[in-house]
């Protein structure tokens, strides 16, 4: 099966910027996606929408075209976009997951992701505030079923604007733990897809 793994932002768009400008969201997203890719690429085909050293922007439209199988790409089975959050109130923290509203497959993946992140949070050094699972009815381009034709999920791994959470998101233990939870979700869900559950 094929997964399009999307490290959010990149190129001229750094995404959110944390710790007085010393940490950029685009970098954190790419670190996680590369770790996840290395964990699952022996079992499934994984394509990144951007990679180390790529300076030019990969537009949202181009990311969706990759998933839809346009411009020479093979149509993917799933699209997963990885992000880190920010907010003006530094006390806000936690994990969120969004999926294409009305898509049973995407909703199932989102629920499994939420479960796995919550589960590792119970044993890891850092206890997550589990925020919510939301169906996106068009507000997020990469989840808008007017544009994307495959099941799609976007995850926000935490708030870099919260000092405690940023420490977890930037340390090796946190990044490895999160990467394993994401990879496990992909492998479990793809197994269910192959069985015909979705």
N, C-alpha and C. Protein backbone atom coordinates (compact mmCIF):
# COMPACT_ATOMS: atom_id res chain seq x y z
N UNK A 1 0.85 -1.18 0.00
CA UNK A 1 0.00 0.00 0.00
C UNK A 1 0.89 1.24 0.00
N UNK A 2 0.29 2.37 -0.34
CA UNK A 2 1.09 3.60 -0.44
C UNK A 2 0.55 4.70 0.48
N UNK A 3 1.49 5.30 1.20
CA UNK A 3 1.18 6.43 2.08
C UNK A 3 1.90 7.67 1.58
N UNK A 4 1.15 8.77 1.45
CA UNK A 4 1.78 10.08 1.26
C UNK A 4 1.94 10.70 2.64
N UNK A 5 3.18 10.92 3.02
CA UNK A 5 3.50 11.47 4.33
C UNK A 5 3.94 12.92 4.14
N UNK A 6 3.19 13.82 4.73
CA UNK A 6 3.35 15.25 4.46
C UNK A 6 3.90 16.00 5.67
N UNK A 7 5.19 16.35 5.66
CA UNK A 7 5.71 17.22 6.71
C UNK A 7 5.23 18.65 6.43
N UNK A 8 4.31 19.14 7.22
CA UNK A 8 3.68 20.42 6.95
C UNK A 8 4.65 21.58 6.80
N UNK A 9 4.25 22.55 5.96
CA UNK A 9 5.03 23.78 5.72
C UNK A 9 6.32 23.46 4.94
N UNK A 10 7.35 24.31 5.07
CA UNK A 10 8.60 24.10 4.34
C UNK A 10 8.83 25.15 3.28
N UNK A 11 10.05 25.19 2.75
CA UNK A 11 10.42 26.20 1.77
C UNK A 11 10.38 27.58 2.42
N UNK A 12 9.70 28.54 1.79
CA UNK A 12 9.63 29.88 2.38
C UNK A 12 8.68 29.98 3.58
N UNK A 13 7.93 28.91 3.85
CA UNK A 13 6.95 28.90 4.94
C UNK A 13 7.46 28.02 6.08
N UNK A 14 7.97 28.61 7.15
CA UNK A 14 8.50 27.80 8.25
C UNK A 14 7.43 27.23 9.17
N UNK A 15 6.18 27.65 8.98
CA UNK A 15 5.14 27.27 9.93
C UNK A 15 5.29 28.10 11.20
N UNK A 16 4.90 27.54 12.32
CA UNK A 16 5.05 28.24 13.59
C UNK A 16 6.53 28.30 13.97
N UNK A 17 6.90 29.35 14.70
CA UNK A 17 8.28 29.52 15.16
C UNK A 17 8.25 29.62 16.69
N UNK A 18 9.12 28.83 17.34
CA UNK A 18 9.09 28.73 18.80
C UNK A 18 10.42 29.18 19.42
N UNK A 19 10.39 29.32 20.73
CA UNK A 19 11.60 29.60 21.53
C UNK A 19 12.39 30.78 20.99
N UNK A 20 11.69 31.87 20.75
CA UNK A 20 12.35 33.08 20.29
C UNK A 20 12.96 32.96 18.90
N UNK A 21 12.39 32.08 18.09
CA UNK A 21 12.85 31.93 16.71
C UNK A 21 13.90 30.85 16.50
N UNK A 22 14.27 30.14 17.57
CA UNK A 22 15.34 29.13 17.45
C UNK A 22 14.83 27.77 16.99
N UNK A 23 13.52 27.54 17.07
CA UNK A 23 12.93 26.25 16.65
C UNK A 23 11.81 26.53 15.67
N UNK A 24 11.88 25.88 14.50
CA UNK A 24 10.85 26.07 13.47
C UNK A 24 10.01 24.81 13.31
N UNK A 25 8.72 25.03 13.15
CA UNK A 25 7.80 23.90 12.99
C UNK A 25 8.18 23.04 11.78
N UNK A 26 8.54 23.67 10.67
CA UNK A 26 8.86 22.91 9.46
C UNK A 26 9.92 21.85 9.73
N UNK A 27 10.89 22.18 10.58
CA UNK A 27 11.96 21.25 10.93
C UNK A 27 11.44 20.09 11.77
N UNK A 28 10.65 20.40 12.79
CA UNK A 28 10.10 19.34 13.64
C UNK A 28 9.24 18.38 12.84
N UNK A 29 8.43 18.93 11.93
CA UNK A 29 7.57 18.08 11.10
C UNK A 29 8.39 17.11 10.27
N UNK A 30 9.48 17.61 9.71
CA UNK A 30 10.32 16.79 8.84
C UNK A 30 11.07 15.71 9.63
N UNK A 31 11.52 16.06 10.83
CA UNK A 31 12.19 15.07 11.68
C UNK A 31 11.27 13.89 11.95
N UNK A 32 10.05 14.18 12.36
CA UNK A 32 9.08 13.12 12.67
C UNK A 32 8.78 12.29 11.43
N UNK A 33 8.52 12.94 10.31
CA UNK A 33 8.15 12.21 9.09
C UNK A 33 9.28 11.30 8.61
N UNK A 34 10.50 11.76 8.71
CA UNK A 34 11.62 10.90 8.31
C UNK A 34 11.76 9.69 9.22
N UNK A 35 11.53 9.89 10.50
CA UNK A 35 11.57 8.76 11.43
C UNK A 35 10.44 7.76 11.12
N UNK A 36 9.26 8.27 10.88
CA UNK A 36 8.12 7.39 10.59
C UNK A 36 8.37 6.63 9.29
N UNK A 37 8.86 7.32 8.29
CA UNK A 37 9.16 6.67 7.00
C UNK A 37 10.12 5.51 7.19
N UNK A 38 11.16 5.72 7.98
CA UNK A 38 12.16 4.66 8.18
C UNK A 38 11.57 3.45 8.89
N UNK A 39 10.52 3.66 9.68
CA UNK A 39 9.90 2.56 10.43
C UNK A 39 8.93 1.73 9.60
N UNK A 40 8.36 2.32 8.55
CA UNK A 40 7.32 1.59 7.82
C UNK A 40 7.67 1.30 6.36
N UNK A 41 8.78 1.84 5.84
CA UNK A 41 9.03 1.70 4.41
C UNK A 41 9.40 0.28 3.98
N UNK A 42 9.72 -0.59 4.93
CA UNK A 42 9.96 -1.99 4.57
C UNK A 42 8.66 -2.77 4.38
N UNK A 43 7.55 -2.16 4.76
CA UNK A 43 6.25 -2.83 4.68
C UNK A 43 5.33 -2.18 3.65
N UNK A 44 5.46 -0.89 3.47
CA UNK A 44 4.59 -0.15 2.54
C UNK A 44 5.40 0.94 1.84
N UNK A 45 4.90 1.36 0.69
CA UNK A 45 5.55 2.45 -0.04
C UNK A 45 5.22 3.78 0.63
N UNK A 46 6.22 4.59 0.89
CA UNK A 46 6.03 5.88 1.56
C UNK A 46 6.69 6.97 0.72
N UNK A 47 5.92 8.00 0.39
CA UNK A 47 6.46 9.16 -0.32
C UNK A 47 6.31 10.39 0.56
N UNK A 48 7.39 11.15 0.71
CA UNK A 48 7.33 12.42 1.43
C UNK A 48 7.01 13.54 0.45
N UNK A 49 6.21 14.51 0.89
CA UNK A 49 5.90 15.65 0.02
C UNK A 49 7.06 16.64 -0.03
N UNK A 50 7.95 16.59 0.93
CA UNK A 50 9.18 17.38 0.90
C UNK A 50 10.26 16.64 1.69
N UNK A 51 11.50 17.06 1.53
CA UNK A 51 12.61 16.32 2.09
C UNK A 51 13.75 17.28 2.43
N UNK A 52 14.76 16.76 3.14
CA UNK A 52 15.90 17.58 3.54
C UNK A 52 16.55 18.20 2.30
N UNK A 53 16.87 19.47 2.39
CA UNK A 53 17.58 20.14 1.31
C UNK A 53 16.69 20.74 0.24
N UNK A 54 15.39 20.47 0.31
CA UNK A 54 14.48 21.02 -0.69
C UNK A 54 14.10 22.44 -0.29
N UNK A 55 14.55 23.42 -1.06
CA UNK A 55 14.36 24.82 -0.70
C UNK A 55 13.05 25.39 -1.24
N UNK A 56 12.64 24.91 -2.42
CA UNK A 56 11.44 25.47 -3.02
C UNK A 56 10.20 24.95 -2.28
N UNK A 57 9.13 25.72 -2.38
CA UNK A 57 7.88 25.38 -1.70
C UNK A 57 7.16 24.25 -2.41
N UNK A 58 6.60 23.34 -1.63
CA UNK A 58 5.65 22.35 -2.16
C UNK A 58 4.27 22.87 -1.77
N UNK A 59 3.51 23.34 -2.76
CA UNK A 59 2.21 23.95 -2.46
C UNK A 59 1.23 22.91 -1.92
N UNK A 60 0.19 23.39 -1.27
CA UNK A 60 -0.85 22.48 -0.80
C UNK A 60 -1.48 21.72 -1.96
N UNK A 61 -1.66 22.42 -3.08
CA UNK A 61 -2.24 21.78 -4.26
C UNK A 61 -1.34 20.65 -4.76
N UNK A 62 -0.02 20.88 -4.76
CA UNK A 62 0.92 19.85 -5.22
C UNK A 62 0.92 18.64 -4.27
N UNK A 63 0.77 18.88 -2.99
CA UNK A 63 0.73 17.78 -2.02
C UNK A 63 -0.50 16.91 -2.27
N UNK A 64 -1.62 17.57 -2.53
CA UNK A 64 -2.86 16.84 -2.80
C UNK A 64 -2.76 16.09 -4.13
N UNK A 65 -2.14 16.70 -5.13
CA UNK A 65 -1.97 16.03 -6.43
C UNK A 65 -1.15 14.76 -6.29
N UNK A 66 -0.15 14.79 -5.43
CA UNK A 66 0.64 13.57 -5.18
C UNK A 66 -0.26 12.46 -4.66
N UNK A 67 -1.12 12.80 -3.72
CA UNK A 67 -2.02 11.80 -3.14
C UNK A 67 -3.04 11.29 -4.17
N UNK A 68 -3.52 12.20 -5.01
CA UNK A 68 -4.55 11.86 -5.98
C UNK A 68 -4.01 11.12 -7.20
N UNK A 69 -2.68 11.02 -7.30
CA UNK A 69 -2.11 10.31 -8.44
C UNK A 69 -2.03 11.14 -9.70
N UNK A 70 -1.82 12.45 -9.55
CA UNK A 70 -1.71 13.37 -10.69
C UNK A 70 -0.23 13.71 -10.93
N UNK A 71 0.11 14.08 -12.16
CA UNK A 71 1.48 14.46 -12.53
C UNK A 71 2.47 13.30 -12.41
N UNK A 72 2.03 12.11 -12.82
CA UNK A 72 2.92 10.96 -12.86
C UNK A 72 3.01 10.16 -11.57
N UNK A 73 2.32 10.58 -10.53
CA UNK A 73 2.33 9.83 -9.27
C UNK A 73 1.25 8.74 -9.30
N UNK A 74 1.51 7.67 -8.56
CA UNK A 74 0.51 6.63 -8.39
C UNK A 74 -0.45 7.06 -7.29
N UNK A 75 -1.74 6.84 -7.49
CA UNK A 75 -2.70 7.26 -6.47
C UNK A 75 -2.41 6.54 -5.15
N UNK A 76 -2.36 7.31 -4.07
CA UNK A 76 -2.03 6.76 -2.76
C UNK A 76 -3.26 6.11 -2.12
N UNK A 77 -3.00 5.32 -1.09
CA UNK A 77 -4.08 4.73 -0.31
C UNK A 77 -4.46 5.61 0.86
N UNK A 78 -3.53 6.49 1.28
CA UNK A 78 -3.79 7.34 2.45
C UNK A 78 -2.85 8.53 2.42
N UNK A 79 -3.33 9.64 3.00
CA UNK A 79 -2.55 10.87 3.11
C UNK A 79 -2.51 11.27 4.59
N UNK A 80 -1.29 11.47 5.12
CA UNK A 80 -1.12 11.88 6.51
C UNK A 80 -0.23 13.11 6.58
N UNK A 81 -0.75 14.19 7.14
CA UNK A 81 -0.02 15.44 7.28
C UNK A 81 0.36 15.64 8.74
N UNK A 82 1.64 15.95 8.98
CA UNK A 82 2.17 16.07 10.34
C UNK A 82 2.51 17.53 10.63
N UNK A 83 1.99 18.02 11.76
CA UNK A 83 2.19 19.42 12.16
C UNK A 83 2.47 19.52 13.65
N UNK A 84 2.90 20.71 14.05
CA UNK A 84 3.03 21.09 15.46
C UNK A 84 2.27 22.40 15.64
N UNK A 85 1.65 22.56 16.77
CA UNK A 85 0.69 23.64 16.99
C UNK A 85 1.31 24.85 17.68
N UNK A 86 0.54 25.93 17.72
CA UNK A 86 0.94 27.13 18.46
C UNK A 86 -0.31 27.88 18.90
N UNK A 87 -0.15 28.69 19.94
CA UNK A 87 -1.27 29.49 20.42
C UNK A 87 -0.72 30.66 21.22
N UNK A 88 -1.49 31.73 21.27
CA UNK A 88 -1.03 32.93 21.98
C UNK A 88 -0.93 32.71 23.49
N UNK A 89 -1.75 31.82 24.03
CA UNK A 89 -1.71 31.48 25.45
C UNK A 89 -0.73 30.32 25.65
N UNK A 90 0.38 30.58 26.30
CA UNK A 90 1.43 29.56 26.45
C UNK A 90 1.03 28.42 27.39
N UNK A 91 -0.10 28.53 28.05
CA UNK A 91 -0.57 27.45 28.92
C UNK A 91 -1.28 26.35 28.13
N UNK A 92 -1.70 26.68 26.92
CA UNK A 92 -2.43 25.70 26.10
C UNK A 92 -1.47 24.66 25.58
N UNK A 93 -1.87 23.38 25.69
CA UNK A 93 -1.04 22.29 25.20
C UNK A 93 -1.92 21.10 24.85
N UNK A 94 -1.33 20.12 24.17
CA UNK A 94 -2.06 18.90 23.89
C UNK A 94 -2.01 18.45 22.44
N UNK A 95 -2.50 17.24 22.23
CA UNK A 95 -2.51 16.57 20.92
C UNK A 95 -3.88 16.70 20.28
N UNK A 96 -3.90 16.96 18.97
CA UNK A 96 -5.15 17.03 18.22
C UNK A 96 -5.03 16.25 16.92
N UNK A 97 -6.14 15.73 16.45
CA UNK A 97 -6.15 15.05 15.16
C UNK A 97 -7.40 15.45 14.38
N UNK A 98 -7.21 15.74 13.10
CA UNK A 98 -8.30 16.14 12.21
C UNK A 98 -8.39 15.15 11.05
N UNK A 99 -9.59 14.94 10.55
CA UNK A 99 -9.77 14.03 9.42
C UNK A 99 -10.83 14.57 8.48
N UNK A 100 -10.85 14.05 7.26
CA UNK A 100 -11.85 14.46 6.29
C UNK A 100 -13.23 14.06 6.79
N UNK A 101 -14.06 15.04 7.06
CA UNK A 101 -15.40 14.78 7.61
C UNK A 101 -16.19 13.89 6.66
N UNK A 102 -16.88 12.91 7.25
CA UNK A 102 -17.73 12.03 6.45
C UNK A 102 -17.00 10.85 5.84
N UNK A 103 -15.68 10.77 6.02
CA UNK A 103 -14.91 9.66 5.47
C UNK A 103 -14.66 8.64 6.57
N UNK A 104 -15.30 7.48 6.46
CA UNK A 104 -15.22 6.45 7.50
C UNK A 104 -13.78 5.96 7.69
N UNK A 105 -13.07 5.80 6.59
CA UNK A 105 -11.69 5.34 6.64
C UNK A 105 -10.82 6.33 7.41
N UNK A 106 -10.91 7.60 7.05
CA UNK A 106 -10.12 8.64 7.72
C UNK A 106 -10.51 8.75 9.20
N UNK A 107 -11.80 8.65 9.49
CA UNK A 107 -12.26 8.73 10.88
C UNK A 107 -11.71 7.56 11.70
N UNK A 108 -11.66 6.38 11.09
CA UNK A 108 -11.11 5.21 11.77
C UNK A 108 -9.62 5.37 12.07
N UNK A 109 -8.89 5.91 11.11
CA UNK A 109 -7.46 6.17 11.32
C UNK A 109 -7.27 7.19 12.43
N UNK A 110 -8.06 8.26 12.41
CA UNK A 110 -7.94 9.32 13.42
C UNK A 110 -8.19 8.76 14.82
N UNK A 111 -9.20 7.91 14.94
CA UNK A 111 -9.52 7.32 16.25
C UNK A 111 -8.38 6.41 16.72
N UNK A 112 -7.81 5.66 15.81
CA UNK A 112 -6.69 4.78 16.16
C UNK A 112 -5.45 5.60 16.56
N UNK A 113 -5.20 6.68 15.83
CA UNK A 113 -4.08 7.56 16.16
C UNK A 113 -4.26 8.15 17.55
N UNK A 114 -5.45 8.63 17.82
CA UNK A 114 -5.76 9.23 19.13
C UNK A 114 -5.51 8.20 20.24
N UNK A 115 -5.97 6.98 20.01
CA UNK A 115 -5.80 5.91 21.00
C UNK A 115 -4.32 5.61 21.24
N UNK A 116 -3.56 5.47 20.16
CA UNK A 116 -2.14 5.11 20.30
C UNK A 116 -1.32 6.22 20.95
N UNK A 117 -1.60 7.48 20.60
CA UNK A 117 -0.88 8.59 21.24
C UNK A 117 -1.24 8.64 22.73
N UNK A 118 -2.50 8.46 23.03
CA UNK A 118 -2.94 8.46 24.44
C UNK A 118 -2.30 7.31 25.21
N UNK A 119 -2.20 6.16 24.57
CA UNK A 119 -1.63 4.98 25.22
C UNK A 119 -0.15 5.19 25.56
N UNK A 120 0.62 5.72 24.62
CA UNK A 120 2.05 5.92 24.90
C UNK A 120 2.24 7.03 25.93
N UNK A 121 1.26 7.94 25.99
CA UNK A 121 1.34 9.03 26.95
C UNK A 121 1.24 8.53 28.38
N UNK A 122 0.59 7.39 28.56
CA UNK A 122 0.43 6.85 29.91
C UNK A 122 1.72 6.25 30.45
N UNK A 123 2.65 5.89 29.54
CA UNK A 123 3.88 5.25 29.98
C UNK A 123 5.13 6.09 29.70
N UNK A 124 4.98 7.12 28.89
CA UNK A 124 6.13 7.96 28.53
C UNK A 124 6.47 8.94 29.65
N UNK A 125 7.59 9.63 29.44
CA UNK A 125 8.02 10.64 30.42
C UNK A 125 7.10 11.84 30.46
N UNK A 126 6.35 12.02 29.37
CA UNK A 126 5.50 13.21 29.26
C UNK A 126 4.04 12.78 29.12
N UNK A 127 3.15 13.33 29.94
CA UNK A 127 1.73 12.99 29.90
C UNK A 127 0.98 14.00 29.05
N UNK A 128 0.43 13.53 27.94
CA UNK A 128 -0.27 14.41 27.02
C UNK A 128 -1.63 14.86 27.55
N UNK A 129 -1.97 16.09 27.22
CA UNK A 129 -3.34 16.55 27.33
C UNK A 129 -4.00 16.18 26.01
N UNK A 130 -4.88 15.18 26.02
CA UNK A 130 -5.51 14.73 24.79
C UNK A 130 -6.69 15.64 24.49
N UNK A 131 -6.57 16.43 23.43
CA UNK A 131 -7.57 17.46 23.17
C UNK A 131 -8.80 16.89 22.45
N UNK A 132 -8.73 16.67 21.16
CA UNK A 132 -9.94 16.17 20.49
C UNK A 132 -9.65 15.62 19.11
N UNK A 133 -10.65 14.87 18.61
CA UNK A 133 -10.66 14.40 17.23
C UNK A 133 -11.74 15.22 16.52
N UNK A 134 -11.38 15.80 15.38
CA UNK A 134 -12.34 16.65 14.67
C UNK A 134 -12.43 16.26 13.21
N UNK A 135 -13.64 16.18 12.72
CA UNK A 135 -13.86 16.06 11.29
C UNK A 135 -13.78 17.45 10.68
N UNK A 136 -12.94 17.61 9.66
CA UNK A 136 -12.79 18.91 9.00
C UNK A 136 -13.68 18.96 7.78
N UNK A 137 -14.65 19.85 7.79
CA UNK A 137 -15.60 19.97 6.69
C UNK A 137 -15.15 21.03 5.70
N UNK A 138 -13.90 20.94 5.25
CA UNK A 138 -13.42 21.86 4.22
C UNK A 138 -12.51 22.96 4.69
N UNK A 139 -12.34 23.12 6.00
CA UNK A 139 -11.53 24.21 6.51
C UNK A 139 -10.05 24.04 6.28
N UNK A 140 -9.58 22.80 6.17
CA UNK A 140 -8.17 22.52 5.93
C UNK A 140 -8.03 21.96 4.51
N UNK A 141 -7.24 22.63 3.69
CA UNK A 141 -7.15 22.30 2.27
C UNK A 141 -6.84 20.82 2.03
N UNK A 142 -5.85 20.29 2.75
CA UNK A 142 -5.43 18.91 2.48
C UNK A 142 -6.44 17.88 2.97
N UNK A 143 -7.45 18.31 3.71
CA UNK A 143 -8.51 17.39 4.16
C UNK A 143 -9.83 17.64 3.42
N UNK A 144 -9.86 18.62 2.56
CA UNK A 144 -11.09 19.00 1.87
C UNK A 144 -11.36 18.01 0.74
N UNK A 145 -12.46 17.27 0.84
CA UNK A 145 -12.73 16.23 -0.16
C UNK A 145 -13.13 16.80 -1.52
N UNK A 146 -13.21 18.13 -1.63
CA UNK A 146 -13.37 18.74 -2.95
C UNK A 146 -12.06 18.63 -3.73
N UNK A 147 -10.94 18.64 -2.99
CA UNK A 147 -9.61 18.58 -3.60
C UNK A 147 -8.98 17.18 -3.52
N UNK A 148 -9.04 16.58 -2.34
CA UNK A 148 -8.34 15.31 -2.14
C UNK A 148 -9.33 14.14 -2.27
N UNK A 149 -8.89 13.09 -2.95
CA UNK A 149 -9.80 11.97 -3.25
C UNK A 149 -9.44 10.71 -2.48
N UNK A 150 -8.47 10.80 -1.57
CA UNK A 150 -8.10 9.64 -0.76
C UNK A 150 -8.35 9.99 0.71
N UNK A 151 -8.48 8.99 1.58
CA UNK A 151 -8.65 9.27 3.01
C UNK A 151 -7.47 10.10 3.52
N UNK A 152 -7.77 11.13 4.32
CA UNK A 152 -6.72 12.05 4.76
C UNK A 152 -6.90 12.45 6.22
N UNK A 153 -5.75 12.54 6.91
CA UNK A 153 -5.73 12.91 8.33
C UNK A 153 -4.59 13.91 8.54
N UNK A 154 -4.82 14.88 9.42
CA UNK A 154 -3.79 15.84 9.82
C UNK A 154 -3.65 15.78 11.33
N UNK A 155 -2.42 15.61 11.80
CA UNK A 155 -2.18 15.55 13.25
C UNK A 155 -1.37 16.76 13.71
N UNK A 156 -1.73 17.27 14.88
CA UNK A 156 -0.99 18.35 15.55
C UNK A 156 -0.38 17.71 16.80
N UNK A 157 0.95 17.53 16.78
CA UNK A 157 1.60 16.73 17.82
C UNK A 157 1.78 17.43 19.15
N UNK A 158 1.51 18.71 19.19
CA UNK A 158 1.62 19.43 20.45
C UNK A 158 1.89 20.90 20.20
N UNK A 159 1.87 21.68 21.26
CA UNK A 159 2.03 23.13 21.17
C UNK A 159 3.46 23.53 21.52
N UNK A 160 4.19 23.98 20.52
CA UNK A 160 5.55 24.45 20.75
C UNK A 160 5.59 25.74 21.54
N UNK A 161 4.46 26.39 21.68
CA UNK A 161 4.38 27.63 22.45
C UNK A 161 4.25 27.36 23.95
N UNK A 162 4.11 26.08 24.32
CA UNK A 162 4.12 25.69 25.73
C UNK A 162 5.51 25.14 26.03
N UNK A 163 6.22 25.71 26.99
CA UNK A 163 7.62 25.36 27.23
C UNK A 163 7.80 23.89 27.58
N UNK A 164 6.93 23.35 28.43
CA UNK A 164 7.04 21.95 28.83
C UNK A 164 6.83 21.03 27.62
N UNK A 165 5.83 21.37 26.81
CA UNK A 165 5.54 20.53 25.65
C UNK A 165 6.64 20.64 24.60
N UNK A 166 7.19 21.84 24.42
CA UNK A 166 8.27 22.02 23.45
C UNK A 166 9.49 21.17 23.83
N UNK A 167 9.78 21.09 25.12
CA UNK A 167 10.91 20.27 25.57
C UNK A 167 10.71 18.81 25.17
N UNK A 168 9.49 18.33 25.26
CA UNK A 168 9.16 16.95 24.88
C UNK A 168 9.24 16.78 23.36
N UNK A 169 8.74 17.75 22.62
CA UNK A 169 8.68 17.66 21.16
C UNK A 169 10.05 17.79 20.50
N UNK A 170 11.02 18.36 21.21
CA UNK A 170 12.34 18.57 20.63
C UNK A 170 13.39 17.59 21.15
N UNK A 171 13.06 16.79 22.14
CA UNK A 171 14.05 15.83 22.65
C UNK A 171 13.94 14.51 21.87
N UNK A 172 15.05 13.77 21.83
CA UNK A 172 15.09 12.52 21.06
C UNK A 172 14.06 11.51 21.57
N UNK A 173 13.92 11.43 22.89
CA UNK A 173 12.95 10.48 23.46
C UNK A 173 11.54 10.79 22.99
N UNK A 174 11.16 12.06 23.04
CA UNK A 174 9.83 12.45 22.60
C UNK A 174 9.60 12.16 21.13
N UNK A 175 10.58 12.52 20.31
CA UNK A 175 10.42 12.33 18.87
C UNK A 175 10.37 10.85 18.49
N UNK A 176 11.18 10.03 19.13
CA UNK A 176 11.16 8.59 18.85
C UNK A 176 9.86 7.98 19.32
N UNK A 177 9.40 8.37 20.50
CA UNK A 177 8.15 7.83 21.04
C UNK A 177 6.97 8.17 20.14
N UNK A 178 6.89 9.42 19.72
CA UNK A 178 5.80 9.84 18.83
C UNK A 178 5.88 9.14 17.48
N UNK A 179 7.09 9.00 16.95
CA UNK A 179 7.26 8.35 15.65
C UNK A 179 6.81 6.90 15.69
N UNK A 180 7.13 6.20 16.77
CA UNK A 180 6.68 4.82 16.91
C UNK A 180 5.16 4.73 17.00
N UNK A 181 4.53 5.66 17.71
CA UNK A 181 3.07 5.65 17.83
C UNK A 181 2.41 5.90 16.47
N UNK A 182 2.98 6.82 15.70
CA UNK A 182 2.43 7.11 14.37
C UNK A 182 2.64 5.92 13.44
N UNK A 183 3.85 5.35 13.44
CA UNK A 183 4.13 4.20 12.59
C UNK A 183 3.22 3.02 12.95
N UNK A 184 3.03 2.80 14.23
CA UNK A 184 2.14 1.71 14.65
C UNK A 184 0.73 1.93 14.14
N UNK A 185 0.28 3.17 14.20
CA UNK A 185 -1.06 3.48 13.71
C UNK A 185 -1.18 3.18 12.22
N UNK A 186 -0.19 3.59 11.45
CA UNK A 186 -0.21 3.34 10.00
C UNK A 186 -0.25 1.84 9.72
N UNK A 187 0.64 1.09 10.36
CA UNK A 187 0.71 -0.35 10.11
C UNK A 187 -0.57 -1.07 10.51
N UNK A 188 -1.12 -0.71 11.66
CA UNK A 188 -2.37 -1.33 12.11
C UNK A 188 -3.52 -0.99 11.18
N UNK A 189 -3.60 0.27 10.79
CA UNK A 189 -4.71 0.70 9.95
C UNK A 189 -4.60 0.11 8.54
N UNK A 190 -3.41 0.07 7.99
CA UNK A 190 -3.23 -0.52 6.66
C UNK A 190 -3.58 -2.01 6.68
N UNK A 191 -3.29 -2.68 7.77
CA UNK A 191 -3.67 -4.09 7.91
C UNK A 191 -5.20 -4.22 7.86
N UNK A 192 -5.88 -3.32 8.55
CA UNK A 192 -7.35 -3.34 8.51
C UNK A 192 -7.88 -3.02 7.10
N UNK A 193 -7.22 -2.10 6.41
CA UNK A 193 -7.63 -1.78 5.04
C UNK A 193 -7.44 -2.98 4.12
N UNK A 194 -6.33 -3.70 4.29
CA UNK A 194 -6.07 -4.87 3.47
C UNK A 194 -7.07 -5.98 3.73
N UNK A 195 -7.57 -6.04 4.95
CA UNK A 195 -8.60 -7.04 5.29
C UNK A 195 -9.97 -6.65 4.77
N UNK A 196 -10.10 -5.38 4.34
CA UNK A 196 -11.38 -4.92 3.83
C UNK A 196 -12.28 -4.28 4.86
N UNK A 197 -11.72 -3.97 6.05
CA UNK A 197 -12.53 -3.33 7.09
C UNK A 197 -12.96 -1.94 6.65
N UNK A 198 -12.10 -1.25 5.90
CA UNK A 198 -12.42 0.10 5.43
C UNK A 198 -12.46 0.13 3.91
